[in-house]
C-alpha cells in the first residue's frame, strides 16, 4: 500500500515537472504568435484555417509547435506516463481553448494527413 502511494506521488511530481517544461514551450510559441499575428479592430485573430495558417510561415511554424506539444501531452496521458488529473488541474482551460481555436485547422490538415496530431 505504501509503495503504491510513493509511486503515485513520484508520478504526480514527474507530471508537474514534465508538464511545466511542455507548457513553457507552448507559452513561448503562443507569445511569439501573438506578436506576429494581426488582429482585427476588436483585437480578435482571424479564424485559424488551413489557408490562413499556411499563408504565413512563421505562424505556421508556431502553430505546429503548439499542436505538436499538445499532441505529446496527449500521448503521455494515453501511455499513463503523466497523471491526467494533474494535467487537468494545471491546464484544463488552455487545452480546451487550444482545441477550440485550432480544431477546424486540425480537421483540415487531417483530411490530407489523417494521423496529424492524432493524440491531441
PDB file of N, CA and C in Angstrom:
ATOM      1  N   UNK A   1       0.822  -1.187   0.000  1.00  0.00           N
ATOM      2  CA  UNK A   1       0.000   0.000   0.000  1.00  0.00           C
ATOM      3  C   UNK A   1       0.867   1.252   0.000  1.00  0.00           C
ATOM      4  N   UNK A   2       1.863   1.307   0.868  1.00  0.00           N
ATOM      5  CA  UNK A   2       2.753   2.463   0.949  1.00  0.00           C
ATOM      6  C   UNK A   2       3.555   2.612  -0.335  1.00  0.00           C
ATOM      7  N   UNK A   3       3.974   1.489  -0.904  1.00  0.00           N
ATOM      8  CA  UNK A   3       4.740   1.520  -2.151  1.00  0.00           C
ATOM      9  C   UNK A   3       3.950   2.148  -3.290  1.00  0.00           C
ATOM     10  N   UNK A   4       2.656   1.819  -3.393  1.00  0.00           N
ATOM     11  CA  UNK A   4       1.849   2.384  -4.468  1.00  0.00           C
ATOM     12  C   UNK A   4       1.620   3.885  -4.257  1.00  0.00           C
ATOM     13  N   UNK A   5       1.521   4.305  -3.018  1.00  0.00           N
ATOM     14  CA  UNK A   5       1.355   5.726  -2.709  1.00  0.00           C
ATOM     15  C   UNK A   5       2.624   6.502  -3.078  1.00  0.00           C
ATOM     16  N   UNK A   6       3.768   5.922  -2.791  1.00  0.00           N
ATOM     17  CA  UNK A   6       5.041   6.542  -3.138  1.00  0.00           C
ATOM     18  C   UNK A   6       5.157   6.660  -4.662  1.00  0.00           C
ATOM     19  N   UNK A   7       4.799   5.598  -5.368  1.00  0.00           N
ATOM     20  CA  UNK A   7       4.851   5.622  -6.828  1.00  0.00           C
ATOM     21  C   UNK A   7       3.896   6.675  -7.396  1.00  0.00           C
ATOM     22  N   UNK A   8       2.721   6.773  -6.832  1.00  0.00           N
ATOM     23  CA  UNK A   8       1.751   7.777  -7.280  1.00  0.00           C
ATOM     24  C   UNK A   8       2.284   9.188  -7.044  1.00  0.00           C
ATOM     25  N   UNK A   9       2.906   9.420  -5.903  1.00  0.00           N
ATOM     26  CA  UNK A   9       3.497  10.732  -5.620  1.00  0.00           C
ATOM     27  C   UNK A   9       4.615  11.049  -6.609  1.00  0.00           C
ATOM     28  N   UNK A  10       5.437  10.050  -6.937  1.00  0.00           N
ATOM     29  CA  UNK A  10       6.502  10.257  -7.915  1.00  0.00           C
ATOM     30  C   UNK A  10       5.910  10.627  -9.275  1.00  0.00           C
ATOM     31  N   UNK A  11       4.852   9.932  -9.657  1.00  0.00           N
ATOM     32  CA  UNK A  11       4.209  10.209 -10.940  1.00  0.00           C
ATOM     33  C   UNK A  11       3.644  11.625 -10.954  1.00  0.00           C
ATOM     34  N   UNK A  12       3.033  12.049  -9.858  1.00  0.00           N
ATOM     35  CA  UNK A  12       2.493  13.400  -9.791  1.00  0.00           C
ATOM     36  C   UNK A  12       3.604  14.444  -9.863  1.00  0.00           C
ATOM     37  N   UNK A  13       4.707  14.202  -9.172  1.00  0.00           N
ATOM     38  CA  UNK A  13       5.834  15.137  -9.231  1.00  0.00           C
ATOM     39  C   UNK A  13       6.418  15.192 -10.643  1.00  0.00           C
ATOM     40  N   UNK A  14       6.581  14.032 -11.250  1.00  0.00           N
ATOM     41  CA  UNK A  14       7.090  13.979 -12.618  1.00  0.00           C
ATOM     42  C   UNK A  14       6.156  14.732 -13.552  1.00  0.00           C
ATOM     43  N   UNK A  15       4.849  14.548 -13.380  1.00  0.00           N
ATOM     44  CA  UNK A  15       3.860  15.228 -14.215  1.00  0.00           C
ATOM     45  C   UNK A  15       4.034  16.735 -14.135  1.00  0.00           C
ATOM     46  N   UNK A  16       4.153  17.247 -12.937  1.00  0.00           N
ATOM     47  CA  UNK A  16       4.278  18.696 -12.756  1.00  0.00           C
ATOM     48  C   UNK A  16       5.558  19.212 -13.424  1.00  0.00           C
ATOM     49  N   UNK A  17       6.660  18.517 -13.235  1.00  0.00           N
ATOM     50  CA  UNK A  17       7.939  18.953 -13.817  1.00  0.00           C
ATOM     51  C   UNK A  17       7.891  18.846 -15.340  1.00  0.00           C
ATOM     52  N   UNK A  18       7.451  17.718 -15.845  1.00  0.00           N
ATOM     53  CA  UNK A  18       7.393  17.495 -17.287  1.00  0.00           C
ATOM     54  C   UNK A  18       6.415  18.460 -17.946  1.00  0.00           C
ATOM     55  N   UNK A  19       5.231  18.584 -17.364  1.00  0.00           N
ATOM     56  CA  UNK A  19       4.207  19.456 -17.940  1.00  0.00           C
ATOM     57  C   UNK A  19       4.645  20.921 -17.889  1.00  0.00           C
ATOM     58  N   UNK A  20       5.332  21.311 -16.840  1.00  0.00           N
ATOM     59  CA  UNK A  20       5.807  22.685 -16.743  1.00  0.00           C
ATOM     60  C   UNK A  20       6.731  23.023 -17.913  1.00  0.00           C
ATOM     61  N   UNK A  21       7.624  22.096 -18.258  1.00  0.00           N
ATOM     62  CA  UNK A  21       8.516  22.312 -19.392  1.00  0.00           C
ATOM     63  C   UNK A  21       7.739  22.370 -20.700  1.00  0.00           C
ATOM     64  N   UNK A  22       6.812  21.461 -20.879  1.00  0.00           N
ATOM     65  CA  UNK A  22       5.988  21.424 -22.083  1.00  0.00           C
ATOM     66  C   UNK A  22       5.162  22.700 -22.204  1.00  0.00           C
ATOM     67  N   UNK A  23       4.546  23.128 -21.115  1.00  0.00           N
ATOM     68  CA  UNK A  23       3.720  24.334 -21.146  1.00  0.00           C
ATOM     69  C   UNK A  23       4.562  25.583 -21.379  1.00  0.00           C
ATOM     70  N   UNK A  24       5.807  25.577 -20.904  1.00  0.00           N
ATOM     71  CA  UNK A  24       6.709  26.688 -21.164  1.00  0.00           C
ATOM     72  C   UNK A  24       6.940  26.827 -22.669  1.00  0.00           C
ATOM     73  N   UNK A  25       7.153  25.703 -23.346  1.00  0.00           N
ATOM     74  CA  UNK A  25       7.352  25.733 -24.806  1.00  0.00           C
ATOM     75  C   UNK A  25       6.088  26.195 -25.522  1.00  0.00           C
ATOM     76  N   UNK A  26       4.924  25.717 -25.064  1.00  0.00           N
ATOM     77  CA  UNK A  26       3.667  26.156 -25.666  1.00  0.00           C
ATOM     78  C   UNK A  26       3.480  27.651 -25.443  1.00  0.00           C
ATOM     79  N   UNK A  27       3.688  28.105 -24.222  1.00  0.00           N
ATOM     80  CA  UNK A  27       3.502  29.520 -23.905  1.00  0.00           C
ATOM     81  C   UNK A  27       4.431  30.411 -24.732  1.00  0.00           C
ATOM     82  N   UNK A  28       5.668  29.984 -24.933  1.00  0.00           N
ATOM     83  CA  UNK A  28       6.587  30.768 -25.761  1.00  0.00           C
ATOM     84  C   UNK A  28       6.101  30.862 -27.202  1.00  0.00           C
ATOM     85  N   UNK A  29       5.600  29.758 -27.736  1.00  0.00           N
ATOM     86  CA  UNK A  29       5.082  29.768 -29.107  1.00  0.00           C
ATOM     87  C   UNK A  29       3.841  30.647 -29.206  1.00  0.00           C
ATOM     88  N   UNK A  30       2.967  30.575 -28.224  1.00  0.00           N
ATOM     89  CA  UNK A  30       1.766  31.422 -28.218  1.00  0.00           C
ATOM     90  C   UNK A  30       2.169  32.895 -28.153  1.00  0.00           C
ATOM     91  N   UNK A  31       3.122  33.205 -27.285  1.00  0.00           N
ATOM     92  CA  UNK A  31       3.591  34.586 -27.149  1.00  0.00           C
ATOM     93  C   UNK A  31       4.148  35.106 -28.475  1.00  0.00           C
ATOM     94  N   UNK A  32       5.002  34.314 -29.125  1.00  0.00           N
ATOM     95  CA  UNK A  32       5.562  34.717 -30.417  1.00  0.00           C
ATOM     96  C   UNK A  32       4.461  34.901 -31.450  1.00  0.00           C
ATOM     97  N   UNK A  33       3.486  34.006 -31.429  1.00  0.00           N
ATOM     98  CA  UNK A  33       2.379  34.081 -32.401  1.00  0.00           C
ATOM     99  C   UNK A  33       1.571  35.353 -32.184  1.00  0.00           C
ATOM    100  N   UNK A  34       1.341  35.723 -30.964  1.00  0.00           N
ATOM    101  CA  UNK A  34       0.601  36.951 -30.659  1.00  0.00           C
ATOM    102  C   UNK A  34       1.342  38.163 -31.229  1.00  0.00           C
ATOM    103  N   UNK A  35       2.658  38.143 -31.127  1.00  0.00           N
ATOM    104  CA  UNK A  35       3.463  39.264 -31.620  1.00  0.00           C
ATOM    105  C   UNK A  35       3.350  39.407 -33.142  1.00  0.00           C
ATOM    106  N   UNK A  36       3.387  38.308 -33.875  1.00  0.00           N
ATOM    107  CA  UNK A  36       3.386  38.387 -35.337  1.00  0.00           C
ATOM    108  C   UNK A  36       1.996  38.400 -35.949  1.00  0.00           C
ATOM    109  N   UNK A  37       1.012  37.981 -35.211  1.00  0.00           N
ATOM    110  CA  UNK A  37      -0.326  37.843 -35.782  1.00  0.00           C
ATOM    111  C   UNK A  37      -1.081  39.170 -35.761  1.00  0.00           C
ATOM    112  N   UNK A  38      -1.723  39.460 -36.846  1.00  0.00           N
ATOM    113  CA  UNK A  38      -2.536  40.668 -36.946  1.00  0.00           C
ATOM    114  C   UNK A  38      -3.922  40.386 -36.360  1.00  0.00           C
ATOM    115  N   UNK A  39      -4.465  41.384 -35.691  1.00  0.00           N
ATOM    116  CA  UNK A  39      -5.814  41.256 -35.134  1.00  0.00           C
ATOM    117  C   UNK A  39      -6.732  42.262 -35.806  1.00  0.00           C
ATOM    118  N   UNK A  40      -8.040  42.034 -35.674  1.00  0.00           N
ATOM    119  CA  UNK A  40      -8.995  42.997 -36.222  1.00  0.00           C
ATOM    120  C   UNK A  40      -9.164  44.161 -35.240  1.00  0.00           C
ATOM    121  N   UNK A  41     -10.049  45.071 -35.565  1.00  0.00           N
ATOM    122  CA  UNK A  41     -10.238  46.253 -34.726  1.00  0.00           C
ATOM    123  C   UNK A  41     -10.737  45.925 -33.317  1.00  0.00           C
ATOM    124  N   UNK A  42     -11.282  44.749 -33.126  1.00  0.00           N
ATOM    125  CA  UNK A  42     -11.748  44.316 -31.795  1.00  0.00           C
ATOM    126  C   UNK A  42     -10.698  43.467 -31.069  1.00  0.00           C
ATOM    127  N   UNK A  43      -9.539  43.299 -31.684  1.00  0.00           N
ATOM    128  CA  UNK A  43      -8.483  42.517 -31.054  1.00  0.00           C
ATOM    129  C   UNK A  43      -8.592  41.019 -31.274  1.00  0.00           C
ATOM    130  N   UNK A  44      -9.443  40.603 -32.194  1.00  0.00           N
ATOM    131  CA  UNK A  44      -9.609  39.168 -32.468  1.00  0.00           C
ATOM    132  C   UNK A  44      -8.673  38.725 -33.577  1.00  0.00           C
ATOM    133  N   UNK A  45      -8.220  37.491 -33.461  1.00  0.00           N
ATOM    134  CA  UNK A  45      -7.392  36.923 -34.528  1.00  0.00           C
ATOM    135  C   UNK A  45      -8.308  36.348 -35.596  1.00  0.00           C
ATOM    136  N   UNK A  46      -7.796  36.238 -36.827  1.00  0.00           N
ATOM    137  CA  UNK A  46      -8.598  35.622 -37.886  1.00  0.00           C
ATOM    138  C   UNK A  46      -8.893  34.161 -37.553  1.00  0.00           C
ATOM    139  N   UNK A  47      -9.942  33.602 -38.154  1.00  0.00           N
ATOM    140  CA  UNK A  47     -10.192  32.170 -37.962  1.00  0.00           C
ATOM    141  C   UNK A  47      -8.948  31.373 -38.343  1.00  0.00           C
ATOM    142  N   UNK A  48      -8.613  30.404 -37.525  1.00  0.00           N
ATOM    143  CA  UNK A  48      -7.393  29.621 -37.698  1.00  0.00           C
ATOM    144  C   UNK A  48      -7.650  28.476 -38.673  1.00  0.00           C
ATOM    145  N   UNK A  49      -7.724  28.830 -39.943  1.00  0.00           N
ATOM    146  CA  UNK A  49      -7.974  27.866 -41.009  1.00  0.00           C
ATOM    147  C   UNK A  49      -6.665  27.466 -41.675  1.00  0.00           C
ATOM    148  N   UNK A  50      -6.733  26.419 -42.461  1.00  0.00           N
ATOM    149  CA  UNK A  50      -5.558  25.963 -43.208  1.00  0.00           C
ATOM    150  C   UNK A  50      -5.034  27.063 -44.116  1.00  0.00           C
ATOM    151  N   UNK A  51      -5.922  27.727 -44.835  1.00  0.00           N
ATOM    152  CA  UNK A  51      -5.463  28.768 -45.765  1.00  0.00           C
ATOM    153  C   UNK A  51      -4.819  29.932 -45.008  1.00  0.00           C
ATOM    154  N   UNK A  52      -5.362  30.316 -43.880  1.00  0.00           N
ATOM    155  CA  UNK A  52      -4.786  31.418 -43.112  1.00  0.00           C
ATOM    156  C   UNK A  52      -3.427  31.027 -42.522  1.00  0.00           C
ATOM    157  N   UNK A  53      -3.365  29.905 -41.844  1.00  0.00           N
ATOM    158  CA  UNK A  53      -2.134  29.498 -41.157  1.00  0.00           C
ATOM    159  C   UNK A  53      -1.023  29.223 -42.159  1.00  0.00           C
ATOM    160  N   UNK A  54      -1.340  28.563 -43.265  1.00  0.00           N
ATOM    161  CA  UNK A  54      -0.298  28.225 -44.240  1.00  0.00           C
ATOM    162  C   UNK A  54       0.145  29.431 -45.061  1.00  0.00           C
ATOM    163  N   UNK A  55      -0.554  30.553 -44.955  1.00  0.00           N
ATOM    164  CA  UNK A  55      -0.167  31.751 -45.709  1.00  0.00           C
ATOM    165  C   UNK A  55       0.989  32.503 -45.056  1.00  0.00           C
ATOM    166  N   UNK A  56       1.330  32.163 -43.822  1.00  0.00           N
ATOM    167  CA  UNK A  56       2.411  32.840 -43.111  1.00  0.00           C
ATOM    168  C   UNK A  56       3.285  31.759 -42.470  1.00  0.00           C
ATOM    169  N   UNK A  57       4.498  31.604 -42.957  1.00  0.00           N
ATOM    170  CA  UNK A  57       5.359  30.511 -42.490  1.00  0.00           C
ATOM    171  C   UNK A  57       5.720  30.628 -41.013  1.00  0.00           C
ATOM    172  N   UNK A  58       5.833  31.836 -40.499  1.00  0.00           N
ATOM    173  CA  UNK A  58       6.129  31.997 -39.076  1.00  0.00           C
ATOM    174  C   UNK A  58       4.954  31.514 -38.235  1.00  0.00           C
ATOM    175  N   UNK A  59       3.759  31.928 -38.610  1.00  0.00           N
ATOM    176  CA  UNK A  59       2.563  31.480 -37.879  1.00  0.00           C
ATOM    177  C   UNK A  59       2.405  29.978 -38.020  1.00  0.00           C
ATOM    178  N   UNK A  60       2.643  29.453 -39.203  1.00  0.00           N
ATOM    179  CA  UNK A  60       2.527  28.005 -39.410  1.00  0.00           C
ATOM    180  C   UNK A  60       3.504  27.247 -38.511  1.00  0.00           C
ATOM    181  N   UNK A  61       4.739  27.721 -38.435  1.00  0.00           N
ATOM    182  CA  UNK A  61       5.747  27.077 -37.580  1.00  0.00           C
ATOM    183  C   UNK A  61       5.313  27.107 -36.116  1.00  0.00           C
ATOM    184  N   UNK A  62       4.791  28.246 -35.671  1.00  0.00           N
ATOM    185  CA  UNK A  62       4.368  28.377 -34.274  1.00  0.00           C
ATOM    186  C   UNK A  62       3.159  27.496 -33.969  1.00  0.00           C
ATOM    187  N   UNK A  63       2.210  27.430 -34.889  1.00  0.00           N
ATOM    188  CA  UNK A  63       1.040  26.563 -34.695  1.00  0.00           C
ATOM    189  C   UNK A  63       1.479  25.104 -34.642  1.00  0.00           C
ATOM    190  N   UNK A  64       2.396  24.703 -35.512  1.00  0.00           N
ATOM    191  CA  UNK A  64       2.915  23.330 -35.462  1.00  0.00           C
ATOM    192  C   UNK A  64       3.568  23.056 -34.111  1.00  0.00           C
ATOM    193  N   UNK A  65       4.333  24.008 -33.613  1.00  0.00           N
ATOM    194  CA  UNK A  65       4.963  23.833 -32.309  1.00  0.00           C
ATOM    195  C   UNK A  65       3.911  23.633 -31.228  1.00  0.00           C
ATOM    196  N   UNK A  66       2.905  24.477 -31.228  1.00  0.00           N
ATOM    197  CA  UNK A  66       1.834  24.392 -30.226  1.00  0.00           C
ATOM    198  C   UNK A  66       1.132  23.041 -30.316  1.00  0.00           C
ATOM    199  N   UNK A  67       0.720  22.661 -31.511  1.00  0.00           N
ATOM    200  CA  UNK A  67      -0.040  21.419 -31.672  1.00  0.00           C
ATOM    201  C   UNK A  67       0.819  20.183 -31.435  1.00  0.00           C
ATOM    202  N   UNK A  68       2.084  20.227 -31.820  1.00  0.00           N
ATOM    203  CA  UNK A  68       2.975  19.093 -31.537  1.00  0.00           C
ATOM    204  C   UNK A  68       3.154  18.893 -30.036  1.00  0.00           C
ATOM    205  N   UNK A  69       3.247  19.982 -29.298  1.00  0.00           N
ATOM    206  CA  UNK A  69       3.393  19.876 -27.848  1.00  0.00           C
ATOM    207  C   UNK A  69       2.124  19.317 -27.210  1.00  0.00           C
ATOM    208  N   UNK A  70       0.971  19.797 -27.662  1.00  0.00           N
ATOM    209  CA  UNK A  70      -0.278  19.245 -27.123  1.00  0.00           C
ATOM    210  C   UNK A  70      -0.452  17.784 -27.501  1.00  0.00           C
ATOM    211  N   UNK A  71       0.011  17.416 -28.695  1.00  0.00           N
ATOM    212  CA  UNK A  71      -0.044  16.016 -29.102  1.00  0.00           C
ATOM    213  C   UNK A  71       0.859  15.163 -28.204  1.00  0.00           C
ATOM    214  N   UNK A  72       2.035  15.679 -27.884  1.00  0.00           N
ATOM    215  CA  UNK A  72       2.937  14.967 -26.960  1.00  0.00           C
ATOM    216  C   UNK A  72       2.286  14.801 -25.594  1.00  0.00           C
ATOM    217  N   UNK A  73       1.588  15.823 -25.157  1.00  0.00           N
ATOM    218  CA  UNK A  73       0.862  15.736 -23.891  1.00  0.00           C
ATOM    219  C   UNK A  73      -0.205  14.641 -23.952  1.00  0.00           C
ATOM    220  N   UNK A  74      -0.955  14.625 -25.041  1.00  0.00           N
ATOM    221  CA  UNK A  74      -1.978  13.592 -25.205  1.00  0.00           C
ATOM    222  C   UNK A  74      -1.400  12.194 -25.200  1.00  0.00           C
ATOM    223  N   UNK A  75      -0.263  12.020 -25.866  1.00  0.00           N
ATOM    224  CA  UNK A  75       0.396  10.713 -25.893  1.00  0.00           C
ATOM    225  C   UNK A  75       0.871  10.316 -24.506  1.00  0.00           C
ATOM    226  N   UNK A  76       1.434  11.256 -23.781  1.00  0.00           N
ATOM    227  CA  UNK A  76       1.920  10.966 -22.423  1.00  0.00           C
ATOM    228  C   UNK A  76       0.769  10.567 -21.505  1.00  0.00           C
ATOM    229  N   UNK A  77      -0.370  11.205 -21.672  1.00  0.00           N
ATOM    230  CA  UNK A  77      -1.557  10.844 -20.871  1.00  0.00           C
ATOM    231  C   UNK A  77      -2.039   9.448 -21.273  1.00  0.00           C
ATOM    232  N   UNK A  78      -2.147   9.205 -22.592  1.00  0.00           N
ATOM    233  CA  UNK A  78      -2.603   7.890 -23.069  1.00  0.00           C
ATOM    234  C   UNK A  78      -1.701   6.763 -22.588  1.00  0.00           C
ATOM    235  N   UNK A  79      -0.414   7.004 -22.589  1.00  0.00           N
ATOM    236  CA  UNK A  79       0.549   5.982 -22.170  1.00  0.00           C
ATOM    237  C   UNK A  79       0.735   5.942 -20.657  1.00  0.00           C
ATOM    238  N   UNK A  80      -0.050   6.747 -19.956  1.00  0.00           N
ATOM    239  CA  UNK A  80      -0.031   6.832 -18.491  1.00  0.00           C
ATOM    240  C   UNK A  80       1.348   7.187 -17.949  1.00  0.00           C
ATOM    241  N   UNK A  81       2.082   8.005 -18.713  1.00  0.00           N
ATOM    242  CA  UNK A  81       3.377   8.490 -18.255  1.00  0.00           C
ATOM    243  C   UNK A  81       3.216   9.674 -17.310  1.00  0.00           C
ATOM    244  N   UNK A  82       2.112  10.384 -17.492  1.00  0.00           N
ATOM    245  CA  UNK A  82       1.800  11.515 -16.623  1.00  0.00           C
ATOM    246  C   UNK A  82       0.395  11.342 -16.073  1.00  0.00           C
ATOM    247  N   UNK A  83       0.136  12.007 -14.982  1.00  0.00           N
ATOM    248  CA  UNK A  83      -1.149  11.896 -14.303  1.00  0.00           C
ATOM    249  C   UNK A  83      -2.162  12.834 -14.951  1.00  0.00           C
ATOM    250  N   UNK A  84      -3.232  12.270 -15.490  1.00  0.00           N
ATOM    251  CA  UNK A  84      -4.251  13.039 -16.204  1.00  0.00           C
ATOM    252  C   UNK A  84      -4.904  14.095 -15.319  1.00  0.00           C
ATOM    253  N   UNK A  85      -5.222  13.755 -14.083  1.00  0.00           N
ATOM    254  CA  UNK A  85      -5.857  14.719 -13.181  1.00  0.00           C
ATOM    255  C   UNK A  85      -4.945  15.911 -12.910  1.00  0.00           C
ATOM    256  N   UNK A  86      -3.643  15.648 -12.790  1.00  0.00           N
ATOM    257  CA  UNK A  86      -2.682  16.738 -12.582  1.00  0.00           C
ATOM    258  C   UNK A  86      -2.629  17.651 -13.806  1.00  0.00           C
ATOM    259  N   UNK A  87      -2.653  17.064 -14.988  1.00  0.00           N
ATOM    260  CA  UNK A  87      -2.629  17.847 -16.221  1.00  0.00           C
ATOM    261  C   UNK A  87      -3.868  18.739 -16.277  1.00  0.00           C
ATOM    262  N   UNK A  88      -5.021  18.175 -15.967  1.00  0.00           N
ATOM    263  CA  UNK A  88      -6.243  18.983 -15.967  1.00  0.00           C
ATOM    264  C   UNK A  88      -6.173  20.099 -14.939  1.00  0.00           C
ATOM    265  N   UNK A  89      -5.642  19.791 -13.782  1.00  0.00           N
ATOM    266  CA  UNK A  89      -5.525  20.815 -12.739  1.00  0.00           C
ATOM    267  C   UNK A  89      -4.607  21.944 -13.190  1.00  0.00           C
ATOM    268  N   UNK A  90      -3.579  21.609 -13.947  1.00  0.00           N
ATOM    269  CA  UNK A  90      -2.617  22.611 -14.387  1.00  0.00           C
ATOM    270  C   UNK A  90      -3.110  23.428 -15.584  1.00  0.00           C
ATOM    271  N   UNK A  91      -3.760  22.776 -16.544  1.00  0.00           N
ATOM    272  CA  UNK A  91      -4.025  23.454 -17.810  1.00  0.00           C
ATOM    273  C   UNK A  91      -5.322  23.098 -18.511  1.00  0.00           C
ATOM    274  N   UNK A  92      -6.333  22.713 -17.813  1.00  0.00           N
ATOM    275  CA  UNK A  92      -7.572  22.282 -18.461  1.00  0.00           C
ATOM    276  C   UNK A  92      -8.105  23.336 -19.429  1.00  0.00           C
ATOM    277  N   UNK A  93      -8.233  24.573 -18.980  1.00  0.00           N
ATOM    278  CA  UNK A  93      -8.786  25.630 -19.830  1.00  0.00           C
ATOM    279  C   UNK A  93      -7.920  25.878 -21.057  1.00  0.00           C
ATOM    280  N   UNK A  94      -6.615  25.869 -20.891  1.00  0.00           N
ATOM    281  CA  UNK A  94      -5.718  26.104 -22.027  1.00  0.00           C
ATOM    282  C   UNK A  94      -5.851  25.012 -23.081  1.00  0.00           C
ATOM    283  N   UNK A  95      -5.994  23.766 -22.640  1.00  0.00           N
ATOM    284  CA  UNK A  95      -6.168  22.653 -23.582  1.00  0.00           C
ATOM    285  C   UNK A  95      -7.483  22.819 -24.343  1.00  0.00           C
ATOM    286  N   UNK A  96      -8.539  23.135 -23.625  1.00  0.00           N
ATOM    287  CA  UNK A  96      -9.848  23.333 -24.268  1.00  0.00           C
ATOM    288  C   UNK A  96      -9.799  24.510 -25.230  1.00  0.00           C
ATOM    289  N   UNK A  97      -9.199  25.616 -24.798  1.00  0.00           N
ATOM    290  CA  UNK A  97      -9.097  26.798 -25.658  1.00  0.00           C
ATOM    291  C   UNK A  97      -8.296  26.503 -26.920  1.00  0.00           C
ATOM    292  N   UNK A  98      -7.209  25.755 -26.785  1.00  0.00           N
ATOM    293  CA  UNK A  98      -6.390  25.414 -27.954  1.00  0.00           C
ATOM    294  C   UNK A  98      -7.196  24.565 -28.934  1.00  0.00           C
ATOM    295  N   UNK A  99      -7.937  23.598 -28.403  1.00  0.00           N
ATOM    296  CA  UNK A  99      -8.753  22.758 -29.289  1.00  0.00           C
ATOM    297  C   UNK A  99      -9.811  23.596 -30.000  1.00  0.00           C
ATOM    298  N   UNK A 100     -10.446  24.504 -29.263  1.00  0.00           N
ATOM    299  CA  UNK A 100     -11.469  25.356 -29.880  1.00  0.00           C
ATOM    300  C   UNK A 100     -10.857  26.270 -30.946  1.00  0.00           C
ATOM    301  N   UNK A 101      -9.675  26.796 -30.691  1.00  0.00           N
ATOM    302  CA  UNK A 101      -9.032  27.699 -31.635  1.00  0.00           C
ATOM    303  C   UNK A 101      -8.540  26.966 -32.878  1.00  0.00           C
ATOM    304  N   UNK A 102      -7.931  25.797 -32.706  1.00  0.00           N
ATOM    305  CA  UNK A 102      -7.286  25.105 -33.812  1.00  0.00           C
ATOM    306  C   UNK A 102      -8.052  23.882 -34.318  1.00  0.00           C
ATOM    307  N   UNK A 103      -9.198  23.587 -33.753  1.00  0.00           N
ATOM    308  CA  UNK A 103      -9.942  22.383 -34.141  1.00  0.00           C
ATOM    309  C   UNK A 103     -10.227  22.301 -35.631  1.00  0.00           C
ATOM    310  N   UNK A 104     -10.709  23.386 -36.223  1.00  0.00           N
ATOM    311  CA  UNK A 104     -11.009  23.369 -37.658  1.00  0.00           C
ATOM    312  C   UNK A 104      -9.748  23.167 -38.484  1.00  0.00           C
ATOM    313  N   UNK A 105      -8.679  23.812 -38.077  1.00  0.00           N
ATOM    314  CA  UNK A 105      -7.400  23.651 -38.774  1.00  0.00           C
ATOM    315  C   UNK A 105      -6.932  22.197 -38.704  1.00  0.00           C
ATOM    316  N   UNK A 106      -7.032  21.605 -37.537  1.00  0.00           N
ATOM    317  CA  UNK A 106      -6.632  20.208 -37.372  1.00  0.00           C
ATOM    318  C   UNK A 106      -7.447  19.307 -38.299  1.00  0.00           C
ATOM    319  N   UNK A 107      -8.757  19.532 -38.364  1.00  0.00           N
ATOM    320  CA  UNK A 107      -9.592  18.724 -39.256  1.00  0.00           C
ATOM    321  C   UNK A 107      -9.186  18.911 -40.715  1.00  0.00           C
ATOM    322  N   UNK A 108      -8.865  20.160 -41.099  1.00  0.00           N
ATOM    323  CA  UNK A 108      -8.445  20.407 -42.480  1.00  0.00           C
ATOM    324  C   UNK A 108      -7.135  19.691 -42.796  1.00  0.00           C
ATOM    325  N   UNK A 109      -6.201  19.741 -41.889  1.00  0.00           N
ATOM    326  CA  UNK A 109      -4.909  19.068 -42.112  1.00  0.00           C
ATOM    327  C   UNK A 109      -5.110  17.557 -42.132  1.00  0.00           C
ATOM    328  N   UNK A 110      -5.965  17.052 -41.250  1.00  0.00           N
ATOM    329  CA  UNK A 110      -6.201  15.600 -41.193  1.00  0.00           C
ATOM    330  C   UNK A 110      -6.875  15.074 -42.455  1.00  0.00           C
ATOM    331  N   UNK A 111      -7.513  15.926 -43.213  1.00  0.00           N
ATOM    332  CA  UNK A 111      -8.114  15.489 -44.472  1.00  0.00           C
ATOM    333  C   UNK A 111      -7.027  14.949 -45.391  1.00  0.00           C
ATOM    334  N   UNK A 112      -5.849  15.616 -45.373  1.00  0.00           N
ATOM    335  CA  UNK A 112      -4.715  15.178 -46.200  1.00  0.00           C
ATOM    336  C   UNK A 112      -3.789  14.230 -45.438  1.00  0.00           C
ATOM    337  N   UNK A 113      -3.677  14.433 -44.135  1.00  0.00           N
ATOM    338  CA  UNK A 113      -2.779  13.632 -43.300  1.00  0.00           C
ATOM    339  C   UNK A 113      -3.563  13.135 -42.093  1.00  0.00           C
ATOM    340  N   UNK A 114      -4.249  12.010 -42.234  1.00  0.00           N
ATOM    341  CA  UNK A 114      -5.173  11.536 -41.179  1.00  0.00           C
ATOM    342  C   UNK A 114      -4.565  11.360 -39.790  1.00  0.00           C
ATOM    343  N   UNK A 115      -3.266  11.171 -39.697  1.00  0.00           N
ATOM    344  CA  UNK A 115      -2.660  10.936 -38.387  1.00  0.00           C
ATOM    345  C   UNK A 115      -2.094  12.210 -37.758  1.00  0.00           C
ATOM    346  N   UNK A 116      -2.304  13.354 -38.387  1.00  0.00           N
ATOM    347  CA  UNK A 116      -1.758  14.606 -37.852  1.00  0.00           C
ATOM    348  C   UNK A 116      -2.359  14.887 -36.468  1.00  0.00           C
ATOM    349  N   UNK A 117      -1.506  15.059 -35.517  1.00  0.00           N
ATOM    350  CA  UNK A 117      -1.881  15.394 -34.139  1.00  0.00           C
ATOM    351  C   UNK A 117      -2.962  14.450 -33.611  1.00  0.00           C
ATOM    352  N   UNK A 118      -2.809  13.176 -33.914  1.00  0.00           N
ATOM    353  CA  UNK A 118      -3.824  12.196 -33.519  1.00  0.00           C
ATOM    354  C   UNK A 118      -3.953  12.043 -32.022  1.00  0.00           C
ATOM    355  N   UNK A 119      -2.966  12.476 -31.247  1.00  0.00           N
ATOM    356  CA  UNK A 119      -3.016  12.330 -29.795  1.00  0.00           C
ATOM    357  C   UNK A 119      -3.562  13.569 -29.102  1.00  0.00           C
ATOM    358  N   UNK A 120      -3.919  14.587 -29.891  1.00  0.00           N
ATOM    359  CA  UNK A 120      -4.441  15.817 -29.286  1.00  0.00           C
ATOM    360  C   UNK A 120      -5.940  15.759 -29.277  1.00  0.00           C
TER     361      UNK A 120
END
